[in-house]
Amino acid sequence: MRVSREKALESREQVIDTAARLLRERGFDGIGVADIMKAAGMTHGGFYRHFESKDELAVKASERAIAESKAVIIDELSKRPQDPLRAVIERYVSSIHRDDPGTGCILPALAADAARRDDPALSQVFTDNIQEYLDQLGTLLAVRPAATGVRTPSAILAEMVGAVVLSRVISDKAMADQLIGDVVDDIVGK
């Protein structure tokens, strides 16, 4: 039985969505194609009808994860237009983000993994994402310069990502929450 083009596209999108979540949860090497396909409700054999390799899927899933993160940030900005920098920082450096890596930003979830891979396409996806964050933070800093002193977008982004990474590894929840709070206060003030 032949699958319609629409159904094939729908299946491909389902695999990308599933991979975007699972890769952020488990890392590039922490999950195989068979596991991703099973979680997407498909057989392993169907993978190569949609993708040439796991590397191709990693790129597509990373792009999808970035799009999902952008949507979260845009939503947060729409809720708090009076202080957009605070809105972004408080959403990014939060227990919500810390506790749900499968729906969070790819930078704290996968940047270390991506740096170890020899995949120029994947590296470019991460580079583009970092540049977008830097551009956005630069724009937000221009609107709110007094609250952040002479902070640069790159320093703020590094602190944001680092805070999420460190808060995920800390076994003491109170200590992890303190770190998150300290970083938010450091970036945008109390």
C-alpha atoms as a PDB file:
ATOM      1  CA  MET A   1       0.000   0.000   0.000  1.00  0.00           C
ATOM      2  CA  ARG A   2       1.394   3.348  -1.042  1.00  0.00           C
ATOM      3  CA  VAL A   3       1.461   6.147   1.511  1.00  0.00           C
ATOM      4  CA  SER A   4       0.208   9.506   0.311  1.00  0.00           C
ATOM      5  CA  ARG A   5       2.656  12.380   0.067  1.00  0.00           C
ATOM      6  CA  GLU A   6       0.728  14.231   2.773  1.00  0.00           C
ATOM      7  CA  LYS A   7       0.898  11.244   5.141  1.00  0.00           C
ATOM      8  CA  ALA A   8       4.627  10.827   4.455  1.00  0.00           C
ATOM      9  CA  LEU A   9       5.212  14.513   5.250  1.00  0.00           C
ATOM     10  CA  GLU A  10       3.122  14.198   8.410  1.00  0.00           C
ATOM     11  CA  SER A  11       5.170  11.161   9.466  1.00  0.00           C
ATOM     12  CA  ARG A  12       8.435  12.992   8.804  1.00  0.00           C
ATOM     13  CA  GLU A  13       7.279  15.939  10.907  1.00  0.00           C
ATOM     14  CA  GLN A  14       6.292  13.562  13.722  1.00  0.00           C
ATOM     15  CA  VAL A  15       9.777  12.029  13.693  1.00  0.00           C
ATOM     16  CA  ILE A  16      11.393  15.481  13.783  1.00  0.00           C
ATOM     17  CA  ASP A  17       9.157  16.580  16.677  1.00  0.00           C
ATOM     18  CA  THR A  18       9.923  13.409  18.612  1.00  0.00           C
ATOM     19  CA  ALA A  19      13.649  13.658  17.937  1.00  0.00           C
ATOM     20  CA  ALA A  20      13.693  17.328  18.960  1.00  0.00           C
ATOM     21  CA  ARG A  21      12.364  16.351  22.377  1.00  0.00           C
ATOM     22  CA  LEU A  22      14.326  13.135  22.879  1.00  0.00           C
ATOM     23  CA  LEU A  23      17.662  14.545  21.742  1.00  0.00           C
ATOM     24  CA  ARG A  24      17.336  17.427  24.223  1.00  0.00           C
ATOM     25  CA  GLU A  25      16.488  14.933  26.961  1.00  0.00           C
ATOM     26  CA  ARG A  26      19.145  12.307  26.219  1.00  0.00           C
ATOM     27  CA  GLY A  27      21.786  13.868  23.959  1.00  0.00           C
ATOM     28  CA  PHE A  28      22.827  12.987  20.419  1.00  0.00           C
ATOM     29  CA  ASP A  29      24.519   9.766  21.456  1.00  0.00           C
ATOM     30  CA  GLY A  30      22.026   8.917  24.206  1.00  0.00           C
ATOM     31  CA  ILE A  31      19.302   7.725  21.869  1.00  0.00           C
ATOM     32  CA  GLY A  32      19.268   5.709  18.684  1.00  0.00           C
ATOM     33  CA  VAL A  33      17.219   5.873  15.539  1.00  0.00           C
ATOM     34  CA  ALA A  34      15.177   2.814  16.571  1.00  0.00           C
ATOM     35  CA  ASP A  35      14.210   4.498  19.856  1.00  0.00           C
ATOM     36  CA  ILE A  36      13.227   7.726  18.130  1.00  0.00           C
ATOM     37  CA  MET A  37      11.127   5.894  15.568  1.00  0.00           C
ATOM     38  CA  LYS A  38       9.431   3.785  18.248  1.00  0.00           C
ATOM     39  CA  ALA A  39       8.622   6.900  20.290  1.00  0.00           C
ATOM     40  CA  ALA A  40       7.187   8.480  17.124  1.00  0.00           C
ATOM     41  CA  GLY A  41       4.975   5.408  16.676  1.00  0.00           C
ATOM     42  CA  MET A  42       6.788   4.122  13.606  1.00  0.00           C
ATOM     43  CA  THR A  43       9.082   1.288  12.659  1.00  0.00           C
ATOM     44  CA  HIS A  44      12.840   1.621  12.438  1.00  0.00           C
ATOM     45  CA  GLY A  45      12.719   0.529   8.800  1.00  0.00           C
ATOM     46  CA  GLY A  46      10.791   3.631   7.805  1.00  0.00           C
ATOM     47  CA  PHE A  47      13.516   5.991   8.978  1.00  0.00           C
ATOM     48  CA  TYR A  48      15.476   5.975   5.725  1.00  0.00           C
ATOM     49  CA  ARG A  49      12.399   6.885   3.695  1.00  0.00           C
ATOM     50  CA  HIS A  50      12.478  10.211   5.529  1.00  0.00           C
ATOM     51  CA  PHE A  51      16.170  10.894   6.257  1.00  0.00           C
ATOM     52  CA  GLU A  52      19.532  10.000   4.802  1.00  0.00           C
ATOM     53  CA  SER A  53      21.171   9.656   8.220  1.00  0.00           C
ATOM     54  CA  LYS A  54      20.832  10.284  11.929  1.00  0.00           C
ATOM     55  CA  ASP A  55      23.044  13.339  11.378  1.00  0.00           C
ATOM     56  CA  GLU A  56      20.452  14.807   9.019  1.00  0.00           C
ATOM     57  CA  LEU A  57      17.750  14.163  11.605  1.00  0.00           C
ATOM     58  CA  ALA A  58      19.904  15.788  14.304  1.00  0.00           C
ATOM     59  CA  VAL A  59      20.099  18.961  12.223  1.00  0.00           C
ATOM     60  CA  LYS A  60      16.353  18.991  11.492  1.00  0.00           C
ATOM     61  CA  ALA A  61      15.504  18.226  15.133  1.00  0.00           C
ATOM     62  CA  SER A  62      17.820  20.999  16.335  1.00  0.00           C
ATOM     63  CA  GLU A  63      16.165  23.457  13.966  1.00  0.00           C
ATOM     64  CA  ARG A  64      12.754  22.361  15.276  1.00  0.00           C
ATOM     65  CA  ALA A  65      13.892  22.734  18.893  1.00  0.00           C
ATOM     66  CA  ILE A  66      15.091  26.250  18.123  1.00  0.00           C
ATOM     67  CA  ALA A  67      11.748  27.147  16.553  1.00  0.00           C
ATOM     68  CA  GLU A  68       9.941  25.809  19.623  1.00  0.00           C
ATOM     69  CA  SER A  69      12.172  27.836  21.962  1.00  0.00           C
ATOM     70  CA  LYS A  70      11.581  30.981  19.904  1.00  0.00           C
ATOM     71  CA  ALA A  71       7.835  30.465  20.205  1.00  0.00           C
ATOM     72  CA  VAL A  72       8.126  30.207  23.995  1.00  0.00           C
ATOM     73  CA  ILE A  73      10.177  33.398  24.165  1.00  0.00           C
ATOM     74  CA  ILE A  74       7.806  35.293  21.872  1.00  0.00           C
ATOM     75  CA  ASP A  75       4.884  34.154  24.013  1.00  0.00           C
ATOM     76  CA  GLU A  76       6.658  35.296  27.183  1.00  0.00           C
ATOM     77  CA  LEU A  77       7.478  38.662  25.618  1.00  0.00           C
ATOM     78  CA  SER A  78       3.837  39.186  24.670  1.00  0.00           C
ATOM     79  CA  LYS A  79       2.809  38.598  28.291  1.00  0.00           C
ATOM     80  CA  ARG A  80       5.321  41.096  29.708  1.00  0.00           C
ATOM     81  CA  PRO A  81       6.012  43.838  27.161  1.00  0.00           C
ATOM     82  CA  GLN A  82       6.810  46.388  29.907  1.00  0.00           C
ATOM     83  CA  ASP A  83      10.129  44.660  30.710  1.00  0.00           C
ATOM     84  CA  PRO A  84      11.049  42.283  27.890  1.00  0.00           C
ATOM     85  CA  LEU A  85      14.616  41.625  29.044  1.00  0.00           C
ATOM     86  CA  ARG A  86      13.412  40.498  32.470  1.00  0.00           C
ATOM     87  CA  ALA A  87      10.730  38.363  30.821  1.00  0.00           C
ATOM     88  CA  VAL A  88      13.284  36.554  28.673  1.00  0.00           C
ATOM     89  CA  ILE A  89      15.811  36.077  31.466  1.00  0.00           C
ATOM     90  CA  GLU A  90      13.272  34.919  34.042  1.00  0.00           C
ATOM     91  CA  ARG A  91      11.769  32.409  31.611  1.00  0.00           C
ATOM     92  CA  TYR A  92      15.092  31.093  30.387  1.00  0.00           C
ATOM     93  CA  VAL A  93      16.836  30.929  33.761  1.00  0.00           C
ATOM     94  CA  SER A  94      14.015  29.181  35.587  1.00  0.00           C
ATOM     95  CA  SER A  95      13.092  25.960  37.320  1.00  0.00           C
ATOM     96  CA  ILE A  96      10.598  25.322  34.501  1.00  0.00           C
ATOM     97  CA  HIS A  97      13.392  25.355  31.923  1.00  0.00           C
ATOM     98  CA  ARG A  98      15.752  23.456  34.222  1.00  0.00           C
ATOM     99  CA  ASP A  99      13.254  20.689  34.962  1.00  0.00           C
ATOM    100  CA  ASP A 100      12.086  20.066  31.404  1.00  0.00           C
ATOM    101  CA  PRO A 101      15.069  19.853  29.050  1.00  0.00           C
ATOM    102  CA  GLY A 102      12.963  18.082  26.411  1.00  0.00           C
ATOM    103  CA  THR A 103      11.069  21.288  25.694  1.00  0.00           C
ATOM    104  CA  GLY A 104      13.833  23.775  26.460  1.00  0.00           C
ATOM    105  CA  CYS A 105      16.597  25.498  24.561  1.00  0.00           C
ATOM    106  CA  ILE A 106      19.104  23.314  22.742  1.00  0.00           C
ATOM    107  CA  LEU A 107      22.083  25.280  24.054  1.00  0.00           C
ATOM    108  CA  PRO A 108      22.127  23.961  27.633  1.00  0.00           C
ATOM    109  CA  ALA A 109      20.814  20.579  26.480  1.00  0.00           C
ATOM    110  CA  LEU A 110      23.050  19.852  23.507  1.00  0.00           C
ATOM    111  CA  ALA A 111      25.828  22.401  22.986  1.00  0.00           C
ATOM    112  CA  ALA A 112      28.510  20.241  24.615  1.00  0.00           C
ATOM    113  CA  ASP A 113      27.379  17.248  22.526  1.00  0.00           C
ATOM    114  CA  ALA A 114      27.322  19.315  19.342  1.00  0.00           C
ATOM    115  CA  ALA A 115      30.836  20.612  20.011  1.00  0.00           C
ATOM    116  CA  ARG A 116      32.137  17.021  20.050  1.00  0.00           C
ATOM    117  CA  ARG A 117      30.529  16.097  16.743  1.00  0.00           C
ATOM    118  CA  ASP A 118      32.234  16.609  13.422  1.00  0.00           C
ATOM    119  CA  ASP A 119      29.177  17.934  11.642  1.00  0.00           C
ATOM    120  CA  PRO A 120      29.506  21.359   9.998  1.00  0.00           C
ATOM    121  CA  ALA A 121      25.755  21.561   9.313  1.00  0.00           C
ATOM    122  CA  LEU A 122      24.925  20.968  12.972  1.00  0.00           C
ATOM    123  CA  SER A 123      27.604  23.408  14.076  1.00  0.00           C
ATOM    124  CA  GLN A 124      26.074  26.032  11.785  1.00  0.00           C
ATOM    125  CA  VAL A 125      22.615  25.498  13.300  1.00  0.00           C
ATOM    126  CA  PHE A 126      24.065  26.146  16.755  1.00  0.00           C
ATOM    127  CA  THR A 127      26.107  29.118  15.547  1.00  0.00           C
ATOM    128  CA  ASP A 128      23.037  30.687  13.940  1.00  0.00           C
ATOM    129  CA  ASN A 129      21.005  30.110  17.114  1.00  0.00           C
ATOM    130  CA  ILE A 130      23.677  31.721  19.273  1.00  0.00           C
ATOM    131  CA  GLN A 131      23.856  34.702  16.913  1.00  0.00           C
ATOM    132  CA  GLU A 132      20.076  35.129  17.101  1.00  0.00           C
ATOM    133  CA  TYR A 133      20.220  35.127  20.896  1.00  0.00           C
ATOM    134  CA  LEU A 134      23.055  37.667  20.839  1.00  0.00           C
ATOM    135  CA  ASP A 135      21.132  39.907  18.450  1.00  0.00           C
ATOM    136  CA  GLN A 136      17.951  39.667  20.520  1.00  0.00           C
ATOM    137  CA  LEU A 137      19.769  40.315  23.795  1.00  0.00           C
ATOM    138  CA  GLY A 138      21.538  43.283  22.192  1.00  0.00           C
ATOM    139  CA  THR A 139      18.193  44.737  21.181  1.00  0.00           C
ATOM    140  CA  LEU A 140      16.740  44.186  24.646  1.00  0.00           C
ATOM    141  CA  LEU A 141      19.798  45.700  26.320  1.00  0.00           C
ATOM    142  CA  ALA A 142      19.489  48.817  24.178  1.00  0.00           C
ATOM    143  CA  VAL A 143      15.982  49.335  25.542  1.00  0.00           C
ATOM    144  CA  ARG A 144      17.053  48.753  29.167  1.00  0.00           C
ATOM    145  CA  PRO A 145      20.708  49.785  29.516  1.00  0.00           C
ATOM    146  CA  ALA A 146      20.643  51.146  33.074  1.00  0.00           C
ATOM    147  CA  ALA A 147      19.520  47.890  34.665  1.00  0.00           C
ATOM    148  CA  THR A 148      22.345  45.822  33.219  1.00  0.00           C
ATOM    149  CA  GLY A 149      25.286  48.198  33.443  1.00  0.00           C
ATOM    150  CA  VAL A 150      27.929  47.443  30.850  1.00  0.00           C
ATOM    151  CA  ARG A 151      26.950  43.798  30.337  1.00  0.00           C
ATOM    152  CA  THR A 152      27.399  42.412  26.854  1.00  0.00           C
ATOM    153  CA  PRO A 153      24.983  40.061  25.105  1.00  0.00           C
ATOM    154  CA  SER A 154      27.627  37.317  24.945  1.00  0.00           C
ATOM    155  CA  ALA A 155      28.308  37.503  28.702  1.00  0.00           C
ATOM    156  CA  ILE A 156      24.594  37.406  29.467  1.00  0.00           C
ATOM    157  CA  LEU A 157      23.966  34.470  27.139  1.00  0.00           C
ATOM    158  CA  ALA A 158      26.872  32.529  28.621  1.00  0.00           C
ATOM    159  CA  GLU A 159      25.556  33.186  32.119  1.00  0.00           C
ATOM    160  CA  MET A 160      22.026  32.145  31.129  1.00  0.00           C
ATOM    161  CA  VAL A 161      23.120  28.890  29.499  1.00  0.00           C
ATOM    162  CA  GLY A 162      25.608  28.124  32.244  1.00  0.00           C
ATOM    163  CA  ALA A 163      22.999  28.680  34.941  1.00  0.00           C
ATOM    164  CA  VAL A 164      20.613  26.208  33.335  1.00  0.00           C
ATOM    165  CA  VAL A 165      23.364  23.611  32.843  1.00  0.00           C
ATOM    166  CA  LEU A 166      24.652  23.927  36.410  1.00  0.00           C
ATOM    167  CA  SER A 167      21.174  23.984  37.956  1.00  0.00           C
ATOM    168  CA  ARG A 168      20.394  20.711  36.160  1.00  0.00           C
ATOM    169  CA  VAL A 169      23.390  18.927  37.642  1.00  0.00           C
ATOM    170  CA  ILE A 170      23.000  20.153  41.239  1.00  0.00           C
ATOM    171  CA  SER A 171      21.346  17.465  43.367  1.00  0.00           C
ATOM    172  CA  ASP A 172      20.258  19.910  46.079  1.00  0.00           C
ATOM    173  CA  LYS A 173      17.063  21.585  44.797  1.00  0.00           C
ATOM    174  CA  ALA A 174      17.400  24.545  47.158  1.00  0.00           C
ATOM    175  CA  MET A 175      20.951  25.161  45.948  1.00  0.00           C
ATOM    176  CA  ALA A 176      19.845  24.870  42.302  1.00  0.00           C
ATOM    177  CA  ASP A 177      16.989  27.318  42.913  1.00  0.00           C
ATOM    178  CA  GLN A 178      19.387  29.722  44.659  1.00  0.00           C
ATOM    179  CA  LEU A 179      21.736  29.618  41.678  1.00  0.00           C
ATOM    180  CA  ILE A 180      18.857  30.394  39.320  1.00  0.00           C
ATOM    181  CA  GLY A 181      17.680  33.287  41.455  1.00  0.00           C
ATOM    182  CA  ASP A 182      21.190  34.692  41.833  1.00  0.00           C
ATOM    183  CA  VAL A 183      21.774  34.629  38.076  1.00  0.00           C
ATOM    184  CA  VAL A 184      18.463  36.333  37.291  1.00  0.00           C
ATOM    185  CA  ASP A 185      19.251  39.025  39.887  1.00  0.00           C
ATOM    186  CA  ASP A 186      22.778  39.414  38.513  1.00  0.00           C
ATOM    187  CA  ILE A 187      21.539  39.981  34.985  1.00  0.00           C
ATOM    188  CA  VAL A 188      18.407  42.096  35.496  1.00  0.00           C
ATOM    189  CA  GLY A 189      18.552  43.166  39.136  1.00  0.00           C
ATOM    190  CA  LYS A 190      16.046  42.542  41.897  1.00  0.00           C
END
